[in-house]
């Protein structure tokens, strides 16, 4: 009987941990989407326009020649 209770407790704790991880990742995604991002220094505007398939928003592409990084600015 003790073994069954320990297994049930283990499953309950694991379910709570998994639920917490999903909640944290959803919060992080929402935080990043709401954050007003400004173009970092050293980036130059390109002629490229990108449509984000997940949000459907149009984004302007900025490029850093030194690092090769790309920055996406949401265009309203």
Protein backbone atom coordinates (compact mmCIF):
# COMPACT_ATOMS: atom_id res chain seq x y z
CA UNK A 1 0.00 0.00 0.00
CA UNK A 2 2.89 2.38 0.77
CA UNK A 3 4.38 1.70 -2.67
CA UNK A 4 1.17 2.74 -4.44
CA UNK A 5 0.99 5.95 -2.39
CA UNK A 6 4.62 6.80 -3.23
CA UNK A 7 4.01 6.23 -6.94
CA UNK A 8 0.89 8.40 -6.83
CA UNK A 9 2.80 11.15 -5.01
CA UNK A 10 5.64 10.93 -7.54
CA UNK A 11 3.21 11.24 -10.46
CA UNK A 12 1.46 14.18 -8.83
CA UNK A 13 4.74 16.01 -8.24
CA UNK A 14 5.93 15.33 -11.81
CA UNK A 15 2.62 16.60 -13.22
CA UNK A 16 2.97 19.77 -11.14
CA UNK A 17 6.53 20.30 -12.38
CA UNK A 18 5.52 19.80 -16.03
CA UNK A 19 2.58 22.17 -15.58
CA UNK A 20 4.91 24.77 -14.03
CA UNK A 21 7.36 24.50 -16.93
CA UNK A 22 4.57 25.03 -19.46
CA UNK A 23 3.26 28.02 -17.53
CA UNK A 24 6.73 29.56 -17.35
CA UNK A 25 7.38 29.15 -21.08
CA UNK A 26 3.97 30.65 -21.92
CA UNK A 27 4.74 33.62 -19.67
CA UNK A 28 8.17 34.11 -21.30
CA UNK A 29 6.63 34.02 -24.78
CA UNK A 30 4.02 36.61 -23.78
CA UNK A 31 6.67 38.79 -22.14
CA UNK A 32 8.85 38.80 -25.25
CA UNK A 33 5.92 39.59 -27.54
CA UNK A 34 4.79 42.57 -25.43
CA UNK A 35 8.25 43.99 -24.88
CA UNK A 36 8.81 47.16 -26.92
CA UNK A 37 12.09 46.48 -28.63
CA UNK A 38 14.23 49.24 -30.03
CA UNK A 39 16.81 48.67 -32.70
CA UNK A 40 20.17 47.98 -31.01
CA UNK A 41 23.15 50.15 -31.94
CA UNK A 42 25.26 48.94 -34.87
CA UNK A 43 22.34 47.59 -36.90
CA UNK A 44 21.48 48.91 -40.36
CA UNK A 45 18.12 48.78 -42.12
CA UNK A 46 17.79 46.33 -45.01
CA UNK A 47 15.19 46.34 -47.77
CA UNK A 48 13.87 42.99 -46.55
CA UNK A 49 10.35 42.65 -45.12
CA UNK A 50 9.49 39.48 -43.18
CA UNK A 51 6.03 38.14 -42.37
CA UNK A 52 6.10 36.19 -39.11
CA UNK A 53 4.10 32.99 -39.72
CA UNK A 54 3.18 32.54 -36.05
CA UNK A 55 1.80 36.02 -35.41
CA UNK A 56 1.06 37.11 -39.00
CA UNK A 57 2.77 40.46 -38.34
CA UNK A 58 4.90 42.29 -40.86
CA UNK A 59 8.47 42.89 -39.68
CA UNK A 60 11.29 45.06 -40.97
CA UNK A 61 14.75 43.43 -40.94
CA UNK A 62 17.84 45.12 -39.50
CA UNK A 63 21.33 43.61 -39.94
CA UNK A 64 24.59 43.95 -38.01
CA UNK A 65 27.56 43.68 -40.38
CA UNK A 66 30.04 42.94 -37.59
CA UNK A 67 28.21 40.04 -35.90
CA UNK A 68 25.88 38.81 -38.66
CA UNK A 69 22.90 39.15 -36.32
CA UNK A 70 19.45 40.04 -37.60
CA UNK A 71 16.90 42.11 -35.69
CA UNK A 72 13.19 42.09 -36.54
CA UNK A 73 11.19 45.28 -35.92
CA UNK A 74 7.42 44.91 -35.99
CA UNK A 75 5.76 47.24 -38.49
CA UNK A 76 2.17 48.24 -37.68
